[in-house]
């Protein structure tokens, strides 16, 4: 009868009053960048073609250099025989 009545789920009183802070300004959404499969395929095909082209140029340059060395040695041998 003289016992105090307690709430069912006691919560301690807050020491600091709850104040609503200023809300952050709304951020602009970043633009969505979508990469299509066609663009990826085009970049891959372009890379393969450019790599093959550079490889062909390198092989041609090496073959020209070898041919120049062979011709030079043949011409030098011919000049020595005279």
C-alpha atoms as a PDB file:
ATOM      1  CA  UNK A   1       0.000   0.000   0.000  1.00  0.00           C
ATOM      2  CA  UNK A   2       2.744   2.452   0.833  1.00  0.00           C
ATOM      3  CA  UNK A   3       5.173   1.099  -1.745  1.00  0.00           C
ATOM      4  CA  UNK A   4       6.121   3.464  -4.591  1.00  0.00           C
ATOM      5  CA  UNK A   5       4.898   2.623  -8.080  1.00  0.00           C
ATOM      6  CA  UNK A   6       7.682   2.138 -10.600  1.00  0.00           C
ATOM      7  CA  UNK A   7       7.216   2.255 -14.354  1.00  0.00           C
ATOM      8  CA  UNK A   8       7.363  -1.038 -16.251  1.00  0.00           C
ATOM      9  CA  UNK A   9      10.539  -0.158 -18.190  1.00  0.00           C
ATOM     10  CA  UNK A  10      12.434   2.441 -16.230  1.00  0.00           C
ATOM     11  CA  UNK A  11      14.518   4.919 -18.230  1.00  0.00           C
ATOM     12  CA  UNK A  12      16.845   7.288 -16.452  1.00  0.00           C
ATOM     13  CA  UNK A  13      16.111  10.947 -17.035  1.00  0.00           C
ATOM     14  CA  UNK A  14      18.427  12.567 -19.547  1.00  0.00           C
ATOM     15  CA  UNK A  15      21.057  14.796 -18.054  1.00  0.00           C
ATOM     16  CA  UNK A  16      21.299  16.969 -21.146  1.00  0.00           C
ATOM     17  CA  UNK A  17      18.227  18.314 -22.836  1.00  0.00           C
ATOM     18  CA  UNK A  18      17.692  16.874 -26.290  1.00  0.00           C
ATOM     19  CA  UNK A  19      18.068  19.533 -28.959  1.00  0.00           C
ATOM     20  CA  UNK A  20      17.695  18.987 -32.661  1.00  0.00           C
ATOM     21  CA  UNK A  21      20.936  19.835 -34.410  1.00  0.00           C
ATOM     22  CA  UNK A  22      20.939  21.728 -37.649  1.00  0.00           C
ATOM     23  CA  UNK A  23      20.398  19.336 -40.461  1.00  0.00           C
ATOM     24  CA  UNK A  24      23.168  18.928 -42.976  1.00  0.00           C
ATOM     25  CA  UNK A  25      22.469  20.543 -46.322  1.00  0.00           C
ATOM     26  CA  UNK A  26      21.141  18.131 -48.883  1.00  0.00           C
ATOM     27  CA  UNK A  27      23.904  16.730 -51.051  1.00  0.00           C
ATOM     28  CA  UNK A  28      23.512  16.781 -54.777  1.00  0.00           C
ATOM     29  CA  UNK A  29      23.327  13.259 -56.088  1.00  0.00           C
ATOM     30  CA  UNK A  30      26.312  12.254 -58.175  1.00  0.00           C
ATOM     31  CA  UNK A  31      25.506  11.619 -61.820  1.00  0.00           C
ATOM     32  CA  UNK A  32      25.134   7.971 -62.644  1.00  0.00           C
ATOM     33  CA  UNK A  33      27.773   6.759 -65.055  1.00  0.00           C
ATOM     34  CA  UNK A  34      26.782   3.626 -66.851  1.00  0.00           C
ATOM     35  CA  UNK A  35      29.237   1.762 -69.019  1.00  0.00           C
ATOM     36  CA  UNK A  36      27.584  -0.325 -71.665  1.00  0.00           C
ATOM     37  CA  UNK A  37      28.951  -3.637 -72.854  1.00  0.00           C
ATOM     38  CA  UNK A  38      29.364  -2.172 -76.331  1.00  0.00           C
ATOM     39  CA  UNK A  39      31.751   0.468 -75.020  1.00  0.00           C
ATOM     40  CA  UNK A  40      33.764  -2.135 -73.128  1.00  0.00           C
ATOM     41  CA  UNK A  41      33.910  -4.347 -76.209  1.00  0.00           C
ATOM     42  CA  UNK A  42      35.019  -1.415 -78.363  1.00  0.00           C
ATOM     43  CA  UNK A  43      37.831  -0.548 -75.967  1.00  0.00           C
ATOM     44  CA  UNK A  44      38.973  -4.166 -75.796  1.00  0.00           C
ATOM     45  CA  UNK A  45      38.901  -4.610 -79.572  1.00  0.00           C
ATOM     46  CA  UNK A  46      40.733  -1.312 -80.041  1.00  0.00           C
ATOM     47  CA  UNK A  47      43.381  -2.387 -77.549  1.00  0.00           C
ATOM     48  CA  UNK A  48      43.855  -5.730 -79.276  1.00  0.00           C
ATOM     49  CA  UNK A  49      44.103  -4.086 -82.700  1.00  0.00           C
ATOM     50  CA  UNK A  50      46.608  -1.501 -81.486  1.00  0.00           C
ATOM     51  CA  UNK A  51      48.689  -4.161 -79.757  1.00  0.00           C
ATOM     52  CA  UNK A  52      48.737  -6.281 -82.913  1.00  0.00           C
ATOM     53  CA  UNK A  53      49.685  -3.221 -84.980  1.00  0.00           C
ATOM     54  CA  UNK A  54      52.563  -2.349 -82.658  1.00  0.00           C
ATOM     55  CA  UNK A  55      53.757  -5.949 -82.684  1.00  0.00           C
ATOM     56  CA  UNK A  56      53.703  -5.964 -86.506  1.00  0.00           C
ATOM     57  CA  UNK A  57      55.678  -2.724 -86.612  1.00  0.00           C
ATOM     58  CA  UNK A  58      58.239  -4.135 -84.165  1.00  0.00           C
ATOM     59  CA  UNK A  59      58.649  -7.337 -86.196  1.00  0.00           C
ATOM     60  CA  UNK A  60      59.027  -5.336 -89.404  1.00  0.00           C
ATOM     61  CA  UNK A  61      61.647  -3.094 -87.784  1.00  0.00           C
ATOM     62  CA  UNK A  62      63.637  -6.069 -86.547  1.00  0.00           C
ATOM     63  CA  UNK A  63      63.506  -7.757 -89.959  1.00  0.00           C
ATOM     64  CA  UNK A  64      64.655  -4.556 -91.695  1.00  0.00           C
ATOM     65  CA  UNK A  65      67.515  -4.228 -89.199  1.00  0.00           C
ATOM     66  CA  UNK A  66      68.584  -7.838 -89.785  1.00  0.00           C
ATOM     67  CA  UNK A  67      68.412  -7.366 -93.547  1.00  0.00           C
ATOM     68  CA  UNK A  68      70.512  -4.197 -93.266  1.00  0.00           C
ATOM     69  CA  UNK A  69      73.170  -6.000 -91.225  1.00  0.00           C
ATOM     70  CA  UNK A  70      73.280  -8.889 -93.712  1.00  0.00           C
ATOM     71  CA  UNK A  71      73.528  -6.540 -96.713  1.00  0.00           C
ATOM     72  CA  UNK A  72      76.224  -4.512 -94.978  1.00  0.00           C
ATOM     73  CA  UNK A  73      78.309  -7.593 -94.282  1.00  0.00           C
ATOM     74  CA  UNK A  74      77.854  -8.831 -97.877  1.00  0.00           C
ATOM     75  CA  UNK A  75      78.879  -5.482 -99.321  1.00  0.00           C
ATOM     76  CA  UNK A  76      81.882  -5.262 -96.987  1.00  0.00           C
ATOM     77  CA  UNK A  77      83.047  -8.722 -98.045  1.00  0.00           C
ATOM     78  CA  UNK A  78      82.646  -7.756-101.698  1.00  0.00           C
ATOM     79  CA  UNK A  79      84.741  -4.595-101.232  1.00  0.00           C
ATOM     80  CA  UNK A  80      87.517  -6.577 -99.518  1.00  0.00           C
ATOM     81  CA  UNK A  81      87.795  -9.014-102.428  1.00  0.00           C
ATOM     82  CA  UNK A  82      88.615  -6.256-104.907  1.00  0.00           C
END
